[in-house]
N, C-alpha and C. Protein backbone atom coordinates (compact mmCIF):
# COMPACT_ATOMS: atom_id res chain seq x y z
N MET A 1 120.69 363.00 148.13
CA MET A 1 119.99 361.97 147.41
C MET A 1 118.53 361.94 147.86
N THR A 2 117.63 361.87 146.89
CA THR A 2 116.21 361.80 147.23
C THR A 2 115.85 360.40 147.72
N LYS A 3 114.79 360.36 148.51
CA LYS A 3 114.32 359.08 149.03
C LYS A 3 113.49 358.38 147.95
N PRO A 4 113.65 357.06 147.79
CA PRO A 4 112.87 356.36 146.77
C PRO A 4 111.39 356.30 147.12
N ILE A 5 110.57 356.35 146.09
CA ILE A 5 109.14 356.15 146.24
C ILE A 5 108.86 354.70 145.90
N ILE A 6 108.21 353.98 146.80
CA ILE A 6 107.82 352.60 146.55
C ILE A 6 106.34 352.62 146.20
N ARG A 7 106.00 352.06 145.04
CA ARG A 7 104.62 352.07 144.59
C ARG A 7 104.35 350.83 143.75
N ALA A 8 103.07 350.55 143.52
CA ALA A 8 102.70 349.45 142.64
C ALA A 8 103.13 349.80 141.21
N ALA A 9 103.60 348.81 140.50
CA ALA A 9 104.01 349.01 139.11
C ALA A 9 102.79 349.31 138.24
N VAL A 10 103.02 350.10 137.20
CA VAL A 10 102.02 350.36 136.17
C VAL A 10 102.62 349.96 134.83
N LYS A 11 101.76 349.81 133.84
CA LYS A 11 102.20 349.31 132.54
C LYS A 11 103.35 350.13 131.95
N SER A 12 103.31 351.42 132.12
CA SER A 12 104.37 352.26 131.54
C SER A 12 105.73 352.03 132.19
N ASP A 13 105.78 351.32 133.32
CA ASP A 13 107.05 350.98 133.97
C ASP A 13 107.75 349.81 133.29
N CYS A 14 107.02 349.05 132.49
CA CYS A 14 107.54 347.79 131.96
C CYS A 14 108.87 347.90 131.21
N PRO A 15 109.08 348.90 130.33
CA PRO A 15 110.39 348.97 129.67
C PRO A 15 111.55 349.09 130.66
N GLN A 16 111.40 349.94 131.68
CA GLN A 16 112.47 350.09 132.67
C GLN A 16 112.61 348.83 133.53
N MET A 17 111.48 348.19 133.84
CA MET A 17 111.53 346.95 134.61
C MET A 17 112.28 345.87 133.84
N LEU A 18 112.00 345.76 132.56
CA LEU A 18 112.67 344.75 131.73
C LEU A 18 114.17 345.04 131.64
N THR A 19 114.55 346.29 131.63
CA THR A 19 115.97 346.64 131.65
C THR A 19 116.63 346.12 132.93
N LEU A 20 115.95 346.28 134.07
CA LEU A 20 116.49 345.78 135.33
C LEU A 20 116.55 344.26 135.34
N ILE A 21 115.56 343.61 134.76
CA ILE A 21 115.56 342.15 134.69
C ILE A 21 116.76 341.66 133.86
N LYS A 22 117.05 342.36 132.78
CA LYS A 22 118.22 341.99 131.97
C LYS A 22 119.52 342.26 132.72
N GLU A 23 119.55 343.32 133.52
CA GLU A 23 120.73 343.59 134.35
C GLU A 23 120.93 342.46 135.36
N LEU A 24 119.84 341.97 135.95
CA LEU A 24 119.93 340.84 136.88
C LEU A 24 120.46 339.60 136.17
N ALA A 25 120.01 339.36 134.95
CA ALA A 25 120.47 338.19 134.20
C ALA A 25 121.98 338.25 133.98
N VAL A 26 122.51 339.43 133.72
CA VAL A 26 123.96 339.59 133.56
C VAL A 26 124.65 339.28 134.88
N TYR A 27 124.12 339.82 135.99
CA TYR A 27 124.68 339.58 137.31
C TYR A 27 124.67 338.08 137.65
N GLU A 28 123.61 337.39 137.22
CA GLU A 28 123.49 335.96 137.52
C GLU A 28 124.16 335.09 136.46
N LYS A 29 124.98 335.72 135.63
CA LYS A 29 125.79 335.01 134.63
C LYS A 29 124.94 334.26 133.60
N ALA A 30 123.80 334.85 133.25
CA ALA A 30 122.89 334.26 132.26
C ALA A 30 122.32 335.34 131.35
N PRO A 31 123.18 336.13 130.72
CA PRO A 31 122.69 337.30 129.96
C PRO A 31 121.78 336.97 128.79
N ASP A 32 121.86 335.78 128.24
CA ASP A 32 121.05 335.42 127.08
C ASP A 32 119.76 334.70 127.45
N GLU A 33 119.49 334.53 128.72
CA GLU A 33 118.32 333.77 129.15
C GLU A 33 117.03 334.58 129.17
N VAL A 34 117.10 335.90 129.15
CA VAL A 34 115.89 336.72 129.13
C VAL A 34 115.41 336.78 127.69
N THR A 35 114.33 336.05 127.42
CA THR A 35 113.81 335.97 126.05
C THR A 35 112.41 336.56 125.92
N VAL A 36 111.79 336.97 127.02
CA VAL A 36 110.45 337.53 126.96
C VAL A 36 110.48 338.88 126.24
N SER A 37 109.50 339.10 125.37
CA SER A 37 109.40 340.38 124.67
C SER A 37 108.72 341.40 125.58
N LEU A 38 108.90 342.66 125.27
CA LEU A 38 108.25 343.71 126.05
C LEU A 38 106.74 343.55 125.99
N SER A 39 106.19 343.27 124.83
CA SER A 39 104.73 343.15 124.71
C SER A 39 104.21 341.96 125.52
N ALA A 40 104.92 340.84 125.50
CA ALA A 40 104.50 339.68 126.30
C ALA A 40 104.61 339.99 127.79
N PHE A 41 105.65 340.69 128.18
CA PHE A 41 105.84 341.08 129.58
C PHE A 41 104.70 342.00 130.03
N GLU A 42 104.39 342.99 129.21
CA GLU A 42 103.29 343.91 129.53
C GLU A 42 101.96 343.17 129.64
N ASP A 43 101.70 342.28 128.68
CA ASP A 43 100.44 341.54 128.69
C ASP A 43 100.34 340.65 129.93
N ALA A 44 101.44 340.02 130.32
CA ALA A 44 101.43 339.14 131.48
C ALA A 44 101.17 339.89 132.78
N GLY A 45 101.52 341.16 132.82
CA GLY A 45 101.31 341.94 134.03
C GLY A 45 100.08 342.83 134.00
N PHE A 46 99.67 343.24 132.79
CA PHE A 46 98.61 344.24 132.71
C PHE A 46 97.56 343.92 131.65
N GLY A 47 97.61 342.72 131.10
CA GLY A 47 96.64 342.32 130.10
C GLY A 47 95.32 341.87 130.72
N GLU A 48 94.55 341.15 129.94
CA GLU A 48 93.23 340.70 130.36
C GLU A 48 93.30 339.74 131.56
N ASN A 49 94.33 338.91 131.61
CA ASN A 49 94.51 337.95 132.70
C ASN A 49 95.91 338.08 133.29
N PRO A 50 96.17 339.12 134.06
CA PRO A 50 97.53 339.32 134.59
C PRO A 50 97.95 338.17 135.50
N VAL A 51 99.22 337.79 135.40
CA VAL A 51 99.74 336.69 136.23
C VAL A 51 100.80 337.17 137.22
N TRP A 52 101.24 338.40 137.11
CA TRP A 52 102.21 338.91 138.07
C TRP A 52 101.82 340.32 138.51
N GLY A 53 102.36 340.68 139.66
CA GLY A 53 102.26 342.04 140.18
C GLY A 53 103.65 342.47 140.59
N ALA A 54 103.82 343.75 140.85
CA ALA A 54 105.15 344.22 141.22
C ALA A 54 105.07 345.54 141.97
N PHE A 55 106.08 345.76 142.76
CA PHE A 55 106.33 347.07 143.34
C PHE A 55 107.59 347.60 142.68
N VAL A 56 107.65 348.90 142.51
CA VAL A 56 108.85 349.52 141.96
C VAL A 56 109.36 350.56 142.94
N ALA A 57 110.67 350.77 142.90
CA ALA A 57 111.31 351.86 143.63
C ALA A 57 111.68 352.89 142.58
N GLU A 58 111.16 354.09 142.75
CA GLU A 58 111.38 355.15 141.78
C GLU A 58 112.12 356.30 142.43
N MET A 59 113.14 356.78 141.73
CA MET A 59 113.89 357.96 142.17
C MET A 59 114.11 358.85 140.97
N ASP A 60 113.75 360.11 141.11
CA ASP A 60 113.92 361.07 140.02
C ASP A 60 113.35 360.55 138.71
N ALA A 61 112.14 360.01 138.78
CA ALA A 61 111.39 359.50 137.62
C ALA A 61 112.05 358.31 136.94
N LYS A 62 112.94 357.62 137.65
CA LYS A 62 113.60 356.45 137.09
C LYS A 62 113.39 355.25 138.03
N ILE A 63 113.08 354.10 137.44
CA ILE A 63 112.92 352.88 138.23
C ILE A 63 114.31 352.35 138.59
N VAL A 64 114.58 352.23 139.90
CA VAL A 64 115.89 351.77 140.36
C VAL A 64 115.81 350.41 141.05
N GLY A 65 114.59 349.89 141.21
CA GLY A 65 114.42 348.59 141.83
C GLY A 65 113.02 348.07 141.59
N ILE A 66 112.90 346.73 141.63
CA ILE A 66 111.58 346.10 141.49
C ILE A 66 111.49 344.89 142.40
N SER A 67 110.28 344.59 142.78
CA SER A 67 109.94 343.35 143.46
C SER A 67 108.77 342.77 142.68
N LEU A 68 109.01 341.70 141.94
CA LEU A 68 107.98 341.10 141.09
C LEU A 68 107.55 339.78 141.71
N TYR A 69 106.24 339.61 141.84
CA TYR A 69 105.70 338.45 142.54
C TYR A 69 104.49 337.91 141.80
N TYR A 70 104.08 336.72 142.17
CA TYR A 70 102.81 336.17 141.72
C TYR A 70 102.27 335.27 142.82
N VAL A 71 101.00 334.92 142.69
CA VAL A 71 100.36 334.06 143.68
C VAL A 71 100.57 332.61 143.28
N ARG A 72 100.95 331.81 144.24
CA ARG A 72 101.05 330.36 144.02
C ARG A 72 100.19 329.68 145.08
N TYR A 73 99.90 328.44 144.84
CA TYR A 73 99.07 327.71 145.78
C TYR A 73 99.80 326.48 146.29
N SER A 74 99.85 326.35 147.59
CA SER A 74 100.43 325.19 148.25
C SER A 74 99.29 324.34 148.80
N THR A 75 99.29 323.07 148.44
CA THR A 75 98.24 322.19 148.98
C THR A 75 98.38 322.01 150.48
N TRP A 76 99.54 322.33 151.03
CA TRP A 76 99.74 322.22 152.47
C TRP A 76 99.47 323.53 153.20
N LYS A 77 99.76 324.67 152.56
CA LYS A 77 99.70 325.96 153.25
C LYS A 77 98.62 326.90 152.71
N GLY A 78 98.13 326.67 151.51
CA GLY A 78 97.17 327.59 150.91
C GLY A 78 97.88 328.61 150.02
N LYS A 79 97.24 329.76 149.84
CA LYS A 79 97.80 330.79 148.96
C LYS A 79 99.05 331.41 149.58
N ARG A 80 100.07 331.52 148.74
CA ARG A 80 101.32 332.15 149.16
C ARG A 80 101.82 333.01 148.01
N LEU A 81 102.64 333.98 148.33
CA LEU A 81 103.29 334.75 147.28
C LEU A 81 104.55 334.03 146.86
N TYR A 82 104.87 334.13 145.59
CA TYR A 82 106.17 333.69 145.10
C TYR A 82 106.89 334.94 144.63
N LEU A 83 108.01 335.23 145.24
CA LEU A 83 108.83 336.38 144.86
C LEU A 83 109.74 335.94 143.71
N GLU A 84 109.40 336.36 142.52
CA GLU A 84 110.17 335.97 141.34
C GLU A 84 111.49 336.71 141.27
N ASP A 85 111.43 338.01 141.47
CA ASP A 85 112.66 338.82 141.40
C ASP A 85 112.60 339.97 142.38
N LEU A 86 113.70 340.18 143.07
CA LEU A 86 113.95 341.38 143.86
C LEU A 86 115.23 341.96 143.30
N ILE A 87 115.11 343.09 142.63
CA ILE A 87 116.24 343.65 141.91
C ILE A 87 116.42 345.11 142.29
N VAL A 88 117.65 345.49 142.58
CA VAL A 88 118.02 346.89 142.72
C VAL A 88 119.20 347.10 141.79
N THR A 89 119.10 348.13 140.96
CA THR A 89 120.18 348.39 140.02
C THR A 89 121.51 348.53 140.76
N GLU A 90 122.56 348.06 140.15
CA GLU A 90 123.86 347.93 140.82
C GLU A 90 124.31 349.23 141.50
N LYS A 91 124.12 350.36 140.85
CA LYS A 91 124.59 351.64 141.40
C LYS A 91 123.86 352.04 142.68
N MET A 92 122.69 351.44 142.92
CA MET A 92 121.86 351.85 144.05
C MET A 92 121.83 350.81 145.17
N ARG A 93 122.59 349.75 145.03
CA ARG A 93 122.59 348.71 146.06
C ARG A 93 123.25 349.22 147.34
N GLY A 94 122.79 348.70 148.46
CA GLY A 94 123.36 349.08 149.75
C GLY A 94 122.74 350.31 150.36
N LEU A 95 121.68 350.85 149.74
CA LEU A 95 121.04 352.06 150.24
C LEU A 95 119.69 351.79 150.91
N GLY A 96 119.34 350.52 151.08
CA GLY A 96 118.08 350.18 151.74
C GLY A 96 116.89 350.06 150.81
N ILE A 97 117.12 350.19 149.51
CA ILE A 97 116.01 350.11 148.55
C ILE A 97 115.44 348.70 148.50
N GLY A 98 116.30 347.69 148.52
CA GLY A 98 115.84 346.31 148.52
C GLY A 98 114.97 346.01 149.73
N LYS A 99 115.36 346.54 150.89
CA LYS A 99 114.57 346.34 152.11
C LYS A 99 113.19 346.97 151.96
N LEU A 100 113.12 348.17 151.42
CA LEU A 100 111.83 348.84 151.22
C LEU A 100 110.93 348.03 150.29
N LEU A 101 111.50 347.51 149.21
CA LEU A 101 110.72 346.70 148.27
C LEU A 101 110.29 345.38 148.91
N PHE A 102 111.21 344.72 149.58
CA PHE A 102 110.91 343.44 150.22
C PHE A 102 109.83 343.62 151.29
N ASP A 103 109.96 344.64 152.11
CA ASP A 103 108.98 344.91 153.16
C ASP A 103 107.61 345.21 152.56
N SER A 104 107.57 345.95 151.46
CA SER A 104 106.29 346.25 150.81
C SER A 104 105.64 344.98 150.29
N THR A 105 106.44 344.07 149.77
CA THR A 105 105.92 342.81 149.26
C THR A 105 105.41 341.93 150.40
N LEU A 106 106.16 341.86 151.49
CA LEU A 106 105.71 341.11 152.67
C LEU A 106 104.39 341.66 153.20
N THR A 107 104.30 342.97 153.31
CA THR A 107 103.09 343.61 153.81
C THR A 107 101.91 343.32 152.89
N TYR A 108 102.14 343.40 151.59
CA TYR A 108 101.08 343.10 150.63
C TYR A 108 100.56 341.68 150.84
N GLY A 109 101.46 340.72 150.96
CA GLY A 109 101.05 339.34 151.16
C GLY A 109 100.25 339.15 152.44
N LYS A 110 100.69 339.78 153.51
CA LYS A 110 99.98 339.69 154.79
C LYS A 110 98.59 340.33 154.67
N ASP A 111 98.54 341.51 154.05
CA ASP A 111 97.27 342.23 153.90
C ASP A 111 96.27 341.45 153.05
N CYS A 112 96.77 340.66 152.10
CA CYS A 112 95.90 339.85 151.23
C CYS A 112 95.50 338.53 151.89
N GLY A 113 96.05 338.24 153.07
CA GLY A 113 95.70 337.02 153.78
C GLY A 113 96.44 335.79 153.29
N TYR A 114 97.55 335.98 152.58
CA TYR A 114 98.34 334.84 152.13
C TYR A 114 99.07 334.25 153.33
N HIS A 115 99.54 333.03 153.15
CA HIS A 115 100.14 332.30 154.27
C HIS A 115 101.65 332.25 154.22
N GLY A 116 102.27 333.20 153.55
CA GLY A 116 103.71 333.26 153.50
C GLY A 116 104.20 333.64 152.11
N MET A 117 105.51 333.66 151.99
CA MET A 117 106.14 334.00 150.72
C MET A 117 107.35 333.08 150.54
N VAL A 118 107.56 332.65 149.33
CA VAL A 118 108.70 331.79 149.00
C VAL A 118 109.44 332.41 147.82
N TRP A 119 110.72 332.03 147.72
CA TRP A 119 111.56 332.51 146.62
C TRP A 119 112.80 331.65 146.56
N GLN A 120 113.62 331.93 145.57
CA GLN A 120 114.90 331.22 145.43
C GLN A 120 116.03 332.24 145.47
N VAL A 121 117.20 331.76 145.85
CA VAL A 121 118.40 332.58 145.82
C VAL A 121 119.55 331.66 145.39
N LEU A 122 120.38 332.16 144.52
CA LEU A 122 121.54 331.37 144.08
C LEU A 122 122.50 331.14 145.24
N ASP A 123 123.06 329.95 145.32
CA ASP A 123 123.91 329.60 146.46
C ASP A 123 125.19 330.42 146.55
N TRP A 124 125.60 331.07 145.46
CA TRP A 124 126.81 331.89 145.47
C TRP A 124 126.52 333.37 145.72
N ASN A 125 125.24 333.75 145.80
CA ASN A 125 124.88 335.16 145.96
C ASN A 125 124.88 335.53 147.45
N GLU A 126 126.07 335.66 148.00
CA GLU A 126 126.23 335.93 149.43
C GLU A 126 125.54 337.21 149.89
N PRO A 127 125.60 338.32 149.14
CA PRO A 127 124.88 339.51 149.62
C PRO A 127 123.38 339.26 149.78
N ALA A 128 122.77 338.55 148.84
CA ALA A 128 121.35 338.26 148.93
C ALA A 128 121.06 337.31 150.09
N ILE A 129 121.88 336.31 150.26
CA ILE A 129 121.69 335.35 151.36
C ILE A 129 121.76 336.07 152.70
N LYS A 130 122.74 336.94 152.87
CA LYS A 130 122.87 337.69 154.12
C LYS A 130 121.67 338.61 154.34
N PHE A 131 121.16 339.20 153.25
CA PHE A 131 119.97 340.04 153.33
C PHE A 131 118.79 339.24 153.86
N TYR A 132 118.54 338.05 153.28
CA TYR A 132 117.40 337.23 153.68
C TYR A 132 117.58 336.65 155.09
N GLU A 133 118.82 336.41 155.49
CA GLU A 133 119.07 335.92 156.85
C GLU A 133 118.61 336.93 157.89
N LYS A 134 118.69 338.21 157.57
CA LYS A 134 118.23 339.25 158.50
C LYS A 134 116.74 339.12 158.78
N TYR A 135 116.01 338.52 157.86
CA TYR A 135 114.57 338.31 158.04
C TYR A 135 114.26 336.96 158.69
N LYS A 136 115.31 336.24 159.05
CA LYS A 136 115.17 334.90 159.62
C LYS A 136 114.45 333.96 158.67
N ALA A 137 114.74 334.10 157.38
CA ALA A 137 114.16 333.25 156.34
C ALA A 137 114.66 331.82 156.51
N ASP A 138 113.82 330.87 156.15
CA ASP A 138 114.21 329.46 156.18
C ASP A 138 114.85 329.09 154.84
N PHE A 139 116.03 328.54 154.88
CA PHE A 139 116.73 328.09 153.68
C PHE A 139 116.57 326.57 153.60
N ASP A 140 116.09 326.09 152.48
CA ASP A 140 115.78 324.68 152.31
C ASP A 140 116.80 324.04 151.37
N SER A 141 117.61 323.15 151.89
CA SER A 141 118.59 322.47 151.05
C SER A 141 118.08 321.11 150.58
N GLU A 142 116.86 320.77 150.94
CA GLU A 142 116.32 319.44 150.64
C GLU A 142 115.72 319.34 149.24
N TRP A 143 115.11 320.41 148.74
CA TRP A 143 114.39 320.35 147.47
C TRP A 143 115.33 320.69 146.31
N ILE A 144 115.12 320.06 145.20
CA ILE A 144 115.91 320.29 143.98
C ILE A 144 115.04 321.05 142.98
N ASN A 145 115.57 322.10 142.39
CA ASN A 145 114.83 322.84 141.36
C ASN A 145 114.67 321.98 140.13
N VAL A 146 113.49 322.00 139.56
CA VAL A 146 113.19 321.21 138.38
C VAL A 146 112.38 322.10 137.43
N SER A 147 112.67 322.03 136.13
CA SER A 147 111.88 322.81 135.17
C SER A 147 111.89 322.13 133.82
N ILE A 148 110.91 322.48 133.04
CA ILE A 148 110.82 322.08 131.64
C ILE A 148 110.55 323.33 130.83
N THR A 149 111.27 323.53 129.77
CA THR A 149 111.04 324.66 128.89
C THR A 149 110.32 324.18 127.64
N TYR A 150 109.24 324.85 127.28
CA TYR A 150 108.48 324.48 126.08
C TYR A 150 109.04 325.20 124.86
């Protein structure tokens, strides 16, 4: 097996990235929740005012994992990264690809002078929870997720 190449995402990666995002939605028992179009996804990452960045794991010219993030601002801590998705395609899980992507994202945040990274994990996703525990991540049971959809 070849070693994955971890690199910054480019616009031409978007179709494969969106496929992985849809795979994650199926895993998270929400297959119909991905409603973003490919063109909107591309514009949000590579248009005139990009709002997200990503690293991809590529093997044999195929994207097998992504780490998609954006910058958020905490009035208490300053600029921080928000890790929106860390995805490794099911067939490639357990091979260290998630660690390579996560480490690249952490390094990027540190190099940019951000003051940390935050993300969410579903309470039933034990493999992900165990992965994050290895990093000594803080799990917060105090805050409740809130959202409004327009």
